Amino acid sequence: MKNRLFGLALLLLVGLFSCSKKDQACALDEDILSQDLTVELVRLDQEFFAGTSASDFLHLMEKYPDFARNYLQVDQYYSPDTLAALLVEVHQDSAMRALYDSVQVEFADISDIQQDLEHAFKYIKHYYPNFQAPKVYTFVSGFNSDLVVTPEMIVIGLDYYLPKDHSFQPDIARYMAERYERSYLVPMIVLAISSRYNTVNPEENSLLSEMIYYGKAYHFVKAIMPCTSDQFIIGYTPEEISECYANEEFIWAHFVENELLYETSPLEIRKYIGEAPFTDAISTNAPGRLGRWIGWNIVDDYQASQDLDLPLLMMEADSEKIFRQSGYRPRSQE
């Protein structure tokens, strides 16, 4: 069976003629976009490297106290002067200067990121009227931090999102690093925000509950960014997405035949949910995190069958109910 899955012939045929059921022509809702909401985006990477002395960095900490407190964690130092002295060393480091220069070349203009964030925040506010747009900072972290997302503040480590063929790369697995590019950035932020609204039952600890959790998270991102390709939401290539749909019956049969849905072993759950270059239990050619992908399909079917708006869907914590009422069935390729 493994030899039949995700083969070269399918890649050539399906890659040409198949597409995701989620990636269809769309247009953003002008009524939603007409809301009065503006993203406050600060190029702190530029302000930081424009500084030259400890007093400059003390001024930045006073100017942006939320960044100093929550990102630089100034309260953990003996005094702000101690942190400022360390920031001088970072500023003068030749490798950090070279990294900053590379970031400025690739991200000289980030108006597209700001617009995508503004559109996403307007969609979130449409569904959740109490949502307040957080302040957004860009920074060069020295590959220490990709994203920090809180209700009040977002910090984007732009160095993480340099092109995948750039000489500067984060020290993470290649299959993960390839997802750290500009087009993935805003979907990653929206995915992080989804956790605030993704209600769970803490007593559920099965593979199914994990699948549904991630399914709801991806569904949230698609609802907030409806014109965004699945590729940039789940991190599969278009070819991998096509092959997943072509082999959905085989994938689902693996879960059913091996009675995996109610598995509670963390080790077994990790095989289908955790980060990995492939889902070895199914095929070494199958992308990792296939449990999340199946969960996404189940949640989509549940929403369609119950005709729920996004907040009601995200509030449903009963993964068994979502699964049963979804009526989920793999799409036949015959």
C-alpha atoms as a PDB file:
ATOM      1  CA  MET A   1       0.000   0.000   0.000  1.00  0.00           C
ATOM      2  CA  LYS A   2       2.767   2.440   0.853  1.00  0.00           C
ATOM      3  CA  ASN A   3       4.253   2.044  -2.613  1.00  0.00           C
ATOM      4  CA  ARG A   4       0.933   3.081  -4.149  1.00  0.00           C
ATOM      5  CA  LEU A   5       0.679   6.232  -2.105  1.00  0.00           C
ATOM      6  CA  PHE A   6       2.153   9.539  -3.204  1.00  0.00           C
ATOM      7  CA  GLY A   7       3.832   8.046  -6.269  1.00  0.00           C
ATOM      8  CA  LEU A   8       5.469   9.888  -9.126  1.00  0.00           C
ATOM      9  CA  ALA A   9       2.646   9.138 -11.555  1.00  0.00           C
ATOM     10  CA  LEU A  10       0.091  10.666  -9.225  1.00  0.00           C
ATOM     11  CA  LEU A  11       2.322  13.651  -8.712  1.00  0.00           C
ATOM     12  CA  LEU A  12       2.463  14.301 -12.443  1.00  0.00           C
ATOM     13  CA  LEU A  13      -1.217  13.695 -13.159  1.00  0.00           C
ATOM     14  CA  VAL A  14      -2.851  15.060 -10.054  1.00  0.00           C
ATOM     15  CA  GLY A  15      -0.483  17.995  -9.836  1.00  0.00           C
ATOM     16  CA  LEU A  16      -1.684  19.087 -13.254  1.00  0.00           C
ATOM     17  CA  PHE A  17      -5.425  18.523 -12.907  1.00  0.00           C
ATOM     18  CA  SER A  18      -6.333  18.544  -9.223  1.00  0.00           C
ATOM     19  CA  CYS A  19      -6.774  21.482  -6.879  1.00  0.00           C
ATOM     20  CA  SER A  20      -7.818  22.054  -3.311  1.00  0.00           C
ATOM     21  CA  LYS A  21     -11.499  22.240  -2.533  1.00  0.00           C
ATOM     22  CA  LYS A  22     -10.688  25.273  -0.388  1.00  0.00           C
ATOM     23  CA  ASP A  23      -8.677  27.255  -2.948  1.00  0.00           C
ATOM     24  CA  GLN A  24     -11.365  28.707  -5.156  1.00  0.00           C
ATOM     25  CA  ALA A  25     -11.838  32.111  -6.726  1.00  0.00           C
ATOM     26  CA  CYS A  26     -12.841  34.660  -4.129  1.00  0.00           C
ATOM     27  CA  ALA A  27     -13.000  38.327  -3.354  1.00  0.00           C
ATOM     28  CA  LEU A  28     -12.711  40.062  -0.010  1.00  0.00           C
ATOM     29  CA  ASP A  29     -15.911  41.491   1.433  1.00  0.00           C
ATOM     30  CA  GLU A  30     -15.898  45.254   0.882  1.00  0.00           C
ATOM     31  CA  ASP A  31     -18.323  45.821   3.758  1.00  0.00           C
ATOM     32  CA  ILE A  32     -15.859  44.162   6.124  1.00  0.00           C
ATOM     33  CA  LEU A  33     -12.933  46.103   4.686  1.00  0.00           C
ATOM     34  CA  SER A  34     -14.785  49.393   5.081  1.00  0.00           C
ATOM     35  CA  GLN A  35     -14.457  49.193   8.878  1.00  0.00           C
ATOM     36  CA  ASP A  36     -12.483  51.948  10.574  1.00  0.00           C
ATOM     37  CA  LEU A  37      -9.356  50.064  11.628  1.00  0.00           C
ATOM     38  CA  THR A  38      -5.724  50.929  11.015  1.00  0.00           C
ATOM     39  CA  VAL A  39      -2.699  48.795  11.839  1.00  0.00           C
ATOM     40  CA  GLU A  40      -0.029  50.638  13.792  1.00  0.00           C
ATOM     41  CA  LEU A  41       3.207  49.163  12.488  1.00  0.00           C
ATOM     42  CA  VAL A  42       6.561  50.311  13.862  1.00  0.00           C
ATOM     43  CA  ARG A  43       9.811  49.567  12.005  1.00  0.00           C
ATOM     44  CA  LEU A  44      11.716  49.090  15.235  1.00  0.00           C
ATOM     45  CA  ASP A  45      14.413  47.200  13.356  1.00  0.00           C
ATOM     46  CA  GLN A  46      15.277  50.460  11.624  1.00  0.00           C
ATOM     47  CA  GLU A  47      14.982  52.606  14.745  1.00  0.00           C
ATOM     48  CA  PHE A  48      17.203  50.203  16.687  1.00  0.00           C
ATOM     49  CA  PHE A  49      20.019  50.184  14.131  1.00  0.00           C
ATOM     50  CA  ALA A  50      19.751  53.948  13.702  1.00  0.00           C
ATOM     51  CA  GLY A  51      20.827  54.259  17.326  1.00  0.00           C
ATOM     52  CA  THR A  52      24.468  54.591  18.288  1.00  0.00           C
ATOM     53  CA  SER A  53      24.671  54.731  22.076  1.00  0.00           C
ATOM     54  CA  ALA A  54      23.213  53.347  25.280  1.00  0.00           C
ATOM     55  CA  SER A  55      21.230  56.555  25.725  1.00  0.00           C
ATOM     56  CA  ASP A  56      19.597  55.962  22.333  1.00  0.00           C
ATOM     57  CA  PHE A  57      18.461  52.525  23.457  1.00  0.00           C
ATOM     58  CA  LEU A  58      17.224  53.841  26.782  1.00  0.00           C
ATOM     59  CA  HIS A  59      15.170  56.337  24.799  1.00  0.00           C
ATOM     60  CA  LEU A  60      13.716  53.514  22.670  1.00  0.00           C
ATOM     61  CA  MET A  61      12.766  51.587  25.804  1.00  0.00           C
ATOM     62  CA  GLU A  62      11.018  54.665  27.163  1.00  0.00           C
ATOM     63  CA  LYS A  63       9.337  55.300  23.805  1.00  0.00           C
ATOM     64  CA  TYR A  64       8.086  51.717  23.478  1.00  0.00           C
ATOM     65  CA  PRO A  65       7.573  50.456  27.054  1.00  0.00           C
ATOM     66  CA  ASP A  66       5.414  47.508  25.972  1.00  0.00           C
ATOM     67  CA  PHE A  67       8.190  46.243  23.706  1.00  0.00           C
ATOM     68  CA  ALA A  68      10.812  46.792  26.393  1.00  0.00           C
ATOM     69  CA  ARG A  69       8.753  45.001  29.021  1.00  0.00           C
ATOM     70  CA  ASN A  70       7.289  42.090  27.066  1.00  0.00           C
ATOM     71  CA  TYR A  71       9.919  41.430  24.411  1.00  0.00           C
ATOM     72  CA  LEU A  72      13.228  42.703  25.786  1.00  0.00           C
ATOM     73  CA  GLN A  73      12.088  41.749  29.313  1.00  0.00           C
ATOM     74  CA  VAL A  74      13.756  44.783  30.830  1.00  0.00           C
ATOM     75  CA  ASP A  75      12.378  43.937  34.290  1.00  0.00           C
ATOM     76  CA  GLN A  76      14.651  40.884  34.444  1.00  0.00           C
ATOM     77  CA  TYR A  77      17.778  43.056  34.338  1.00  0.00           C
ATOM     78  CA  TYR A  78      19.433  44.841  37.254  1.00  0.00           C
ATOM     79  CA  SER A  79      18.504  48.138  35.627  1.00  0.00           C
ATOM     80  CA  PRO A  80      17.526  49.527  32.201  1.00  0.00           C
ATOM     81  CA  ASP A  81      21.129  50.740  31.913  1.00  0.00           C
ATOM     82  CA  THR A  82      22.330  47.124  32.107  1.00  0.00           C
ATOM     83  CA  LEU A  83      20.073  46.119  29.234  1.00  0.00           C
ATOM     84  CA  ALA A  84      21.036  49.196  27.231  1.00  0.00           C
ATOM     85  CA  ALA A  85      24.711  48.241  27.528  1.00  0.00           C
ATOM     86  CA  LEU A  86      23.947  44.765  26.186  1.00  0.00           C
ATOM     87  CA  LEU A  87      21.972  46.267  23.311  1.00  0.00           C
ATOM     88  CA  VAL A  88      25.017  48.337  22.379  1.00  0.00           C
ATOM     89  CA  GLU A  89      26.984  45.087  22.016  1.00  0.00           C
ATOM     90  CA  VAL A  90      24.257  43.587  19.839  1.00  0.00           C
ATOM     91  CA  HIS A  91      24.129  46.739  17.728  1.00  0.00           C
ATOM     92  CA  GLN A  92      27.892  46.681  17.152  1.00  0.00           C
ATOM     93  CA  ASP A  93      28.086  42.963  16.326  1.00  0.00           C
ATOM     94  CA  SER A  94      29.237  42.610  12.705  1.00  0.00           C
ATOM     95  CA  ALA A  95      27.066  39.544  12.042  1.00  0.00           C
ATOM     96  CA  MET A  96      23.981  41.346  13.333  1.00  0.00           C
ATOM     97  CA  ARG A  97      24.789  44.348  11.138  1.00  0.00           C
ATOM     98  CA  ALA A  98      25.087  42.099   8.095  1.00  0.00           C
ATOM     99  CA  LEU A  99      21.811  40.386   8.976  1.00  0.00           C
ATOM    100  CA  TYR A 100      20.118  43.760   9.384  1.00  0.00           C
ATOM    101  CA  ASP A 101      21.423  44.901   5.989  1.00  0.00           C
ATOM    102  CA  SER A 102      19.969  41.780   4.377  1.00  0.00           C
ATOM    103  CA  VAL A 103      16.626  42.375   6.035  1.00  0.00           C
ATOM    104  CA  GLN A 104      16.571  45.955   4.750  1.00  0.00           C
ATOM    105  CA  VAL A 105      17.126  44.748   1.200  1.00  0.00           C
ATOM    106  CA  GLU A 106      14.371  42.154   1.330  1.00  0.00           C
ATOM    107  CA  PHE A 107      11.936  44.171   3.440  1.00  0.00           C
ATOM    108  CA  ALA A 108      12.558  47.716   2.265  1.00  0.00           C
ATOM    109  CA  ASP A 109       8.831  47.951   1.581  1.00  0.00           C
ATOM    110  CA  ILE A 110       6.426  46.043   3.821  1.00  0.00           C
ATOM    111  CA  SER A 111       3.240  47.817   2.786  1.00  0.00           C
ATOM    112  CA  ASP A 112       1.861  44.492   1.535  1.00  0.00           C
ATOM    113  CA  ILE A 113       2.340  42.922   4.976  1.00  0.00           C
ATOM    114  CA  GLN A 114       0.708  45.897   6.650  1.00  0.00           C
ATOM    115  CA  GLN A 115      -2.264  45.736   4.271  1.00  0.00           C
ATOM    116  CA  ASP A 116      -2.691  41.980   4.735  1.00  0.00           C
ATOM    117  CA  LEU A 117      -2.628  42.442   8.508  1.00  0.00           C
ATOM    118  CA  GLU A 118      -5.161  45.246   8.295  1.00  0.00           C
ATOM    119  CA  HIS A 119      -7.500  43.133   6.169  1.00  0.00           C
ATOM    120  CA  ALA A 120      -7.112  40.175   8.524  1.00  0.00           C
ATOM    121  CA  PHE A 121      -7.746  42.285  11.618  1.00  0.00           C
ATOM    122  CA  LYS A 122     -10.877  43.743  10.022  1.00  0.00           C
ATOM    123  CA  TYR A 123     -12.158  40.236   9.338  1.00  0.00           C
ATOM    124  CA  ILE A 124     -11.445  39.207  12.927  1.00  0.00           C
ATOM    125  CA  LYS A 125     -13.241  42.297  14.215  1.00  0.00           C
ATOM    126  CA  HIS A 126     -16.201  41.460  11.957  1.00  0.00           C
ATOM    127  CA  TYR A 127     -16.592  38.106  13.691  1.00  0.00           C
ATOM    128  CA  TYR A 128     -15.413  39.288  17.119  1.00  0.00           C
ATOM    129  CA  PRO A 129     -16.466  42.935  17.612  1.00  0.00           C
ATOM    130  CA  ASN A 130     -14.472  43.247  20.856  1.00  0.00           C
ATOM    131  CA  PHE A 131     -11.211  42.486  19.048  1.00  0.00           C
ATOM    132  CA  GLN A 132      -8.674  45.278  19.349  1.00  0.00           C
ATOM    133  CA  ALA A 133      -5.901  45.414  16.767  1.00  0.00           C
ATOM    134  CA  PRO A 134      -2.532  44.915  18.481  1.00  0.00           C
ATOM    135  CA  LYS A 135       0.425  47.164  17.855  1.00  0.00           C
ATOM    136  CA  VAL A 136       2.894  45.571  15.432  1.00  0.00           C
ATOM    137  CA  TYR A 137       6.674  45.877  15.682  1.00  0.00           C
ATOM    138  CA  THR A 138       9.242  44.589  13.208  1.00  0.00           C
ATOM    139  CA  PHE A 139      12.656  43.656  14.549  1.00  0.00           C
ATOM    140  CA  VAL A 140      15.839  41.762  13.739  1.00  0.00           C
ATOM    141  CA  SER A 141      16.094  39.098  16.426  1.00  0.00           C
ATOM    142  CA  GLY A 142      19.335  37.395  15.431  1.00  0.00           C
ATOM    143  CA  PHE A 143      17.223  34.265  14.833  1.00  0.00           C
ATOM    144  CA  ASN A 144      16.158  34.201  18.464  1.00  0.00           C
ATOM    145  CA  SER A 145      12.450  34.845  17.920  1.00  0.00           C
ATOM    146  CA  ASP A 146      10.244  34.496  14.861  1.00  0.00           C
ATOM    147  CA  LEU A 147       6.927  35.778  16.213  1.00  0.00           C
ATOM    148  CA  VAL A 148       5.590  37.038  19.507  1.00  0.00           C
ATOM    149  CA  VAL A 149       1.800  37.367  19.426  1.00  0.00           C
ATOM    150  CA  THR A 150      -0.164  38.741  22.370  1.00  0.00           C
ATOM    151  CA  PRO A 151      -3.511  40.549  22.474  1.00  0.00           C
ATOM    152  CA  GLU A 152      -1.711  43.897  22.771  1.00  0.00           C
ATOM    153  CA  MET A 153       1.456  43.422  20.737  1.00  0.00           C
ATOM    154  CA  ILE A 154       2.962  41.494  17.827  1.00  0.00           C
ATOM    155  CA  VAL A 155       6.714  41.371  17.233  1.00  0.00           C
ATOM    156  CA  ILE A 156       7.873  40.064  13.860  1.00  0.00           C
ATOM    157  CA  GLY A 157      11.463  38.834  13.609  1.00  0.00           C
ATOM    158  CA  LEU A 158      11.938  39.730   9.954  1.00  0.00           C
ATOM    159  CA  ASP A 159      15.229  37.840   9.763  1.00  0.00           C
ATOM    160  CA  TYR A 160      13.256  34.574  10.018  1.00  0.00           C
ATOM    161  CA  TYR A 161      11.355  35.427   6.843  1.00  0.00           C
ATOM    162  CA  LEU A 162      14.239  35.976   4.460  1.00  0.00           C
ATOM    163  CA  PRO A 163      13.921  33.955   1.211  1.00  0.00           C
ATOM    164  CA  LYS A 164      14.676  30.260   1.576  1.00  0.00           C
ATOM    165  CA  ASP A 165      17.670  30.557  -0.764  1.00  0.00           C
ATOM    166  CA  HIS A 166      19.211  33.396   1.257  1.00  0.00           C
ATOM    167  CA  SER A 167      22.620  32.826   2.853  1.00  0.00           C
ATOM    168  CA  PHE A 168      21.192  33.736   6.285  1.00  0.00           C
ATOM    169  CA  GLN A 169      18.881  30.987   7.570  1.00  0.00           C
ATOM    170  CA  PRO A 170      17.478  30.084  11.013  1.00  0.00           C
ATOM    171  CA  ASP A 171      18.906  27.038  12.725  1.00  0.00           C
ATOM    172  CA  ILE A 172      15.829  24.852  12.237  1.00  0.00           C
ATOM    173  CA  ALA A 173      15.059  21.816  10.104  1.00  0.00           C
ATOM    174  CA  ARG A 174      15.009  22.560   6.381  1.00  0.00           C
ATOM    175  CA  TYR A 175      11.444  21.325   5.904  1.00  0.00           C
ATOM    176  CA  MET A 176      10.314  23.857   8.514  1.00  0.00           C
ATOM    177  CA  ALA A 177      12.583  26.683   7.337  1.00  0.00           C
ATOM    178  CA  GLU A 178      10.970  26.554   3.901  1.00  0.00           C
ATOM    179  CA  ARG A 179       7.728  27.756   5.511  1.00  0.00           C
ATOM    180  CA  TYR A 180       9.453  30.841   6.877  1.00  0.00           C
ATOM    181  CA  GLU A 181       8.971  33.131   3.919  1.00  0.00           C
ATOM    182  CA  ARG A 182       7.100  36.358   3.373  1.00  0.00           C
ATOM    183  CA  SER A 183       3.859  34.754   2.096  1.00  0.00           C
ATOM    184  CA  TYR A 184       3.521  32.615   5.230  1.00  0.00           C
ATOM    185  CA  LEU A 185       3.969  35.487   7.683  1.00  0.00           C
ATOM    186  CA  VAL A 186       0.450  36.896   8.069  1.00  0.00           C
ATOM    187  CA  PRO A 187      -1.236  33.446   8.027  1.00  0.00           C
ATOM    188  CA  MET A 188       1.147  32.433  10.851  1.00  0.00           C
ATOM    189  CA  ILE A 189       0.051  35.473  12.850  1.00  0.00           C
ATOM    190  CA  VAL A 190      -3.638  34.746  12.289  1.00  0.00           C
ATOM    191  CA  LEU A 191      -3.061  31.093  13.230  1.00  0.00           C
ATOM    192  CA  ALA A 192      -1.517  32.239  16.519  1.00  0.00           C
ATOM    193  CA  ILE A 193      -4.460  34.570  17.169  1.00  0.00           C
ATOM    194  CA  SER A 194      -6.905  31.713  16.537  1.00  0.00           C
ATOM    195  CA  SER A 195      -5.863  30.060  19.813  1.00  0.00           C
ATOM    196  CA  ARG A 196      -7.706  32.786  21.762  1.00  0.00           C
ATOM    197  CA  TYR A 197     -10.995  31.671  20.264  1.00  0.00           C
ATOM    198  CA  ASN A 198     -10.367  27.937  19.878  1.00  0.00           C
ATOM    199  CA  THR A 199     -12.294  26.441  22.799  1.00  0.00           C
ATOM    200  CA  VAL A 200     -11.149  22.988  23.925  1.00  0.00           C
ATOM    201  CA  ASN A 201     -12.213  20.418  26.476  1.00  0.00           C
ATOM    202  CA  PRO A 202      -9.143  19.861  28.693  1.00  0.00           C
ATOM    203  CA  GLU A 203     -10.373  16.368  29.511  1.00  0.00           C
ATOM    204  CA  GLU A 204     -10.095  15.277  25.871  1.00  0.00           C
ATOM    205  CA  ASN A 205      -6.665  13.868  25.111  1.00  0.00           C
ATOM    206  CA  SER A 206      -7.211  11.735  22.008  1.00  0.00           C
ATOM    207  CA  LEU A 207      -5.743  12.006  18.534  1.00  0.00           C
ATOM    208  CA  LEU A 208      -9.207  13.030  17.320  1.00  0.00           C
ATOM    209  CA  SER A 209      -9.300  15.985  19.711  1.00  0.00           C
ATOM    210  CA  GLU A 210      -5.900  17.141  18.450  1.00  0.00           C
ATOM    211  CA  MET A 211      -7.027  16.745  14.851  1.00  0.00           C
ATOM    212  CA  ILE A 212     -10.145  18.820  15.509  1.00  0.00           C
ATOM    213  CA  TYR A 213      -8.189  21.498  17.366  1.00  0.00           C
ATOM    214  CA  TYR A 214      -5.868  22.066  14.427  1.00  0.00           C
ATOM    215  CA  GLY A 215      -8.751  21.702  11.985  1.00  0.00           C
ATOM    216  CA  LYS A 216     -10.556  24.560  13.730  1.00  0.00           C
ATOM    217  CA  ALA A 217      -7.363  26.626  13.754  1.00  0.00           C
ATOM    218  CA  TYR A 218      -6.833  26.237  10.006  1.00  0.00           C
ATOM    219  CA  HIS A 219     -10.530  26.837   9.347  1.00  0.00           C
ATOM    220  CA  PHE A 220     -10.226  30.083  11.329  1.00  0.00           C
ATOM    221  CA  VAL A 221      -7.316  31.274   9.194  1.00  0.00           C
ATOM    222  CA  LYS A 222      -9.189  30.469   5.988  1.00  0.00           C
ATOM    223  CA  ALA A 223     -12.267  32.338   7.219  1.00  0.00           C
ATOM    224  CA  ILE A 224     -10.157  35.372   8.153  1.00  0.00           C
ATOM    225  CA  MET A 225      -8.024  35.207   4.984  1.00  0.00           C
ATOM    226  CA  PRO A 226     -10.413  33.623   2.455  1.00  0.00           C
ATOM    227  CA  CYS A 227      -8.280  34.400  -0.587  1.00  0.00           C
ATOM    228  CA  THR A 228      -5.116  32.866   0.861  1.00  0.00           C
ATOM    229  CA  SER A 229      -3.935  29.588  -0.635  1.00  0.00           C
ATOM    230  CA  ASP A 230      -3.987  26.507   1.578  1.00  0.00           C
ATOM    231  CA  GLN A 231      -0.248  26.284   0.939  1.00  0.00           C
ATOM    232  CA  PHE A 232       0.401  29.288   3.159  1.00  0.00           C
ATOM    233  CA  ILE A 233      -1.998  28.144   5.879  1.00  0.00           C
ATOM    234  CA  ILE A 234      -0.942  24.535   6.453  1.00  0.00           C
ATOM    235  CA  GLY A 235       2.526  24.740   4.906  1.00  0.00           C
ATOM    236  CA  TYR A 236       2.154  22.060   2.233  1.00  0.00           C
ATOM    237  CA  THR A 237       3.316  22.624  -1.324  1.00  0.00           C
ATOM    238  CA  PRO A 238       0.597  22.664  -4.029  1.00  0.00           C
ATOM    239  CA  GLU A 239       1.842  19.262  -5.161  1.00  0.00           C
ATOM    240  CA  GLU A 240       1.539  17.843  -1.647  1.00  0.00           C
ATOM    241  CA  ILE A 241      -1.988  19.224  -1.316  1.00  0.00           C
ATOM    242  CA  SER A 242      -3.000  17.657  -4.619  1.00  0.00           C
ATOM    243  CA  GLU A 243      -1.569  14.304  -3.622  1.00  0.00           C
ATOM    244  CA  CYS A 244      -3.277  14.430  -0.230  1.00  0.00           C
ATOM    245  CA  TYR A 245      -6.645  14.841  -1.902  1.00  0.00           C
ATOM    246  CA  ALA A 246      -5.833  12.140  -4.452  1.00  0.00           C
ATOM    247  CA  ASN A 247      -4.978   9.759  -1.609  1.00  0.00           C
ATOM    248  CA  GLU A 248      -7.539  10.897   0.948  1.00  0.00           C
ATOM    249  CA  GLU A 249      -9.316   7.533   0.927  1.00  0.00           C
ATOM    250  CA  PHE A 250      -6.040   5.704   1.653  1.00  0.00           C
ATOM    251  CA  ILE A 251      -5.100   8.181   4.381  1.00  0.00           C
ATOM    252  CA  TRP A 252      -8.479   7.902   6.084  1.00  0.00           C
ATOM    253  CA  ALA A 253      -8.427   4.109   5.799  1.00  0.00           C
ATOM    254  CA  HIS A 254      -5.117   4.105   7.688  1.00  0.00           C
ATOM    255  CA  PHE A 255      -6.688   6.020  10.589  1.00  0.00           C
ATOM    256  CA  VAL A 256      -9.790   3.817  10.678  1.00  0.00           C
ATOM    257  CA  GLU A 257      -8.145   0.430  10.167  1.00  0.00           C
ATOM    258  CA  ASN A 258      -5.567   1.134  12.860  1.00  0.00           C
ATOM    259  CA  GLU A 259      -8.221   2.513  15.263  1.00  0.00           C
ATOM    260  CA  LEU A 260      -6.246   5.707  15.726  1.00  0.00           C
ATOM    261  CA  LEU A 261      -8.957   8.302  16.351  1.00  0.00           C
ATOM    262  CA  TYR A 262      -9.255   7.526  20.062  1.00  0.00           C
ATOM    263  CA  GLU A 263      -5.555   6.857  20.584  1.00  0.00           C
ATOM    264  CA  THR A 264      -4.262   8.666  23.681  1.00  0.00           C
ATOM    265  CA  SER A 265      -0.566   7.760  23.601  1.00  0.00           C
ATOM    266  CA  PRO A 266       1.412  11.016  23.153  1.00  0.00           C
ATOM    267  CA  LEU A 267       3.976   9.142  21.085  1.00  0.00           C
ATOM    268  CA  GLU A 268       1.352   7.842  18.659  1.00  0.00           C
ATOM    269  CA  ILE A 269      -0.405  11.211  18.482  1.00  0.00           C
ATOM    270  CA  ARG A 270       2.875  12.930  17.679  1.00  0.00           C
ATOM    271  CA  LYS A 271       3.311  10.712  14.601  1.00  0.00           C
ATOM    272  CA  TYR A 272       0.284  12.317  12.961  1.00  0.00           C
ATOM    273  CA  ILE A 273       0.176  15.767  14.550  1.00  0.00           C
ATOM    274  CA  GLY A 274       3.743  16.772  15.368  1.00  0.00           C
ATOM    275  CA  GLU A 275       6.230  18.531  13.142  1.00  0.00           C
ATOM    276  CA  ALA A 276       8.001  16.069  10.865  1.00  0.00           C
ATOM    277  CA  PRO A 277       9.290  16.008   7.273  1.00  0.00           C
ATOM    278  CA  PHE A 278       6.858  13.182   6.457  1.00  0.00           C
ATOM    279  CA  THR A 279       4.221  10.959   8.047  1.00  0.00           C
ATOM    280  CA  ASP A 280       6.322   7.819   8.165  1.00  0.00           C
ATOM    281  CA  ALA A 281       3.503   5.622   9.508  1.00  0.00           C
ATOM    282  CA  ILE A 282       1.671   6.150   6.215  1.00  0.00           C
ATOM    283  CA  SER A 283       4.425   6.832   3.692  1.00  0.00           C
ATOM    284  CA  THR A 284       7.834   8.481   3.605  1.00  0.00           C
ATOM    285  CA  ASN A 285       6.515  10.492   0.653  1.00  0.00           C
ATOM    286  CA  ALA A 286       3.498  11.766   2.585  1.00  0.00           C
ATOM    287  CA  PRO A 287       3.870  15.221   4.170  1.00  0.00           C
ATOM    288  CA  GLY A 288       4.029  15.505   7.940  1.00  0.00           C
ATOM    289  CA  ARG A 289       1.112  16.534  10.156  1.00  0.00           C
ATOM    290  CA  LEU A 290      -1.463  14.591   8.128  1.00  0.00           C
ATOM    291  CA  GLY A 291      -3.700  14.341  11.186  1.00  0.00           C
ATOM    292  CA  ARG A 292      -4.040  18.113  11.142  1.00  0.00           C
ATOM    293  CA  TRP A 293      -4.955  18.095   7.448  1.00  0.00           C
ATOM    294  CA  ILE A 294      -7.657  15.458   7.961  1.00  0.00           C
ATOM    295  CA  GLY A 295      -8.921  17.422  10.957  1.00  0.00           C
ATOM    296  CA  TRP A 296      -9.236  20.493   8.757  1.00  0.00           C
ATOM    297  CA  ASN A 297     -11.401  18.581   6.292  1.00  0.00           C
ATOM    298  CA  ILE A 298     -13.588  17.241   9.104  1.00  0.00           C
ATOM    299  CA  VAL A 299     -14.104  20.729  10.547  1.00  0.00           C
ATOM    300  CA  ASP A 300     -14.908  22.162   7.111  1.00  0.00           C
ATOM    301  CA  ASP A 301     -17.538  19.471   6.602  1.00  0.00           C
ATOM    302  CA  TYR A 302     -18.956  20.086  10.069  1.00  0.00           C
ATOM    303  CA  GLN A 303     -19.301  23.806   9.437  1.00  0.00           C
ATOM    304  CA  ALA A 304     -20.947  23.198   6.069  1.00  0.00           C
ATOM    305  CA  SER A 305     -23.387  20.603   7.414  1.00  0.00           C
ATOM    306  CA  GLN A 306     -24.393  22.702  10.429  1.00  0.00           C
ATOM    307  CA  ASP A 307     -24.162  26.106   8.705  1.00  0.00           C
ATOM    308  CA  LEU A 308     -22.391  27.659  11.705  1.00  0.00           C
ATOM    309  CA  ASP A 309     -20.810  31.072  11.804  1.00  0.00           C
ATOM    310  CA  LEU A 310     -17.164  31.243  12.839  1.00  0.00           C
ATOM    311  CA  PRO A 311     -17.584  32.139  16.549  1.00  0.00           C
ATOM    312  CA  LEU A 312     -20.048  29.286  17.149  1.00  0.00           C
ATOM    313  CA  LEU A 313     -17.768  26.837  15.388  1.00  0.00           C
ATOM    314  CA  MET A 314     -14.725  27.925  17.385  1.00  0.00           C
ATOM    315  CA  MET A 315     -16.687  27.688  20.658  1.00  0.00           C
ATOM    316  CA  GLU A 316     -17.614  24.030  20.107  1.00  0.00           C
ATOM    317  CA  ALA A 317     -15.255  22.017  22.319  1.00  0.00           C
ATOM    318  CA  ASP A 318     -16.746  18.554  21.766  1.00  0.00           C
ATOM    319  CA  SER A 319     -14.476  16.931  19.163  1.00  0.00           C
ATOM    320  CA  GLU A 320     -16.630  13.785  19.064  1.00  0.00           C
ATOM    321  CA  LYS A 321     -19.706  15.888  18.250  1.00  0.00           C
ATOM    322  CA  ILE A 322     -17.858  17.738  15.503  1.00  0.00           C
ATOM    323  CA  PHE A 323     -16.672  14.468  14.002  1.00  0.00           C
ATOM    324  CA  ARG A 324     -20.050  12.714  14.155  1.00  0.00           C
ATOM    325  CA  GLN A 325     -22.071  15.630  12.856  1.00  0.00           C
ATOM    326  CA  SER A 326     -19.582  16.468  10.110  1.00  0.00           C
ATOM    327  CA  GLY A 327     -20.611  13.434   8.077  1.00  0.00           C
ATOM    328  CA  TYR A 328     -17.003  13.405   6.925  1.00  0.00           C
ATOM    329  CA  ARG A 329     -16.164  11.062   4.085  1.00  0.00           C
ATOM    330  CA  PRO A 330     -13.022  11.090   1.941  1.00  0.00           C
ATOM    331  CA  ARG A 331     -13.480  12.442  -1.553  1.00  0.00           C
ATOM    332  CA  SER A 332     -13.474   9.560  -3.991  1.00  0.00           C
ATOM    333  CA  GLN A 333     -11.042   9.907  -6.876  1.00  0.00           C
ATOM    334  CA  GLU A 334     -12.832   7.383  -9.075  1.00  0.00           C
END
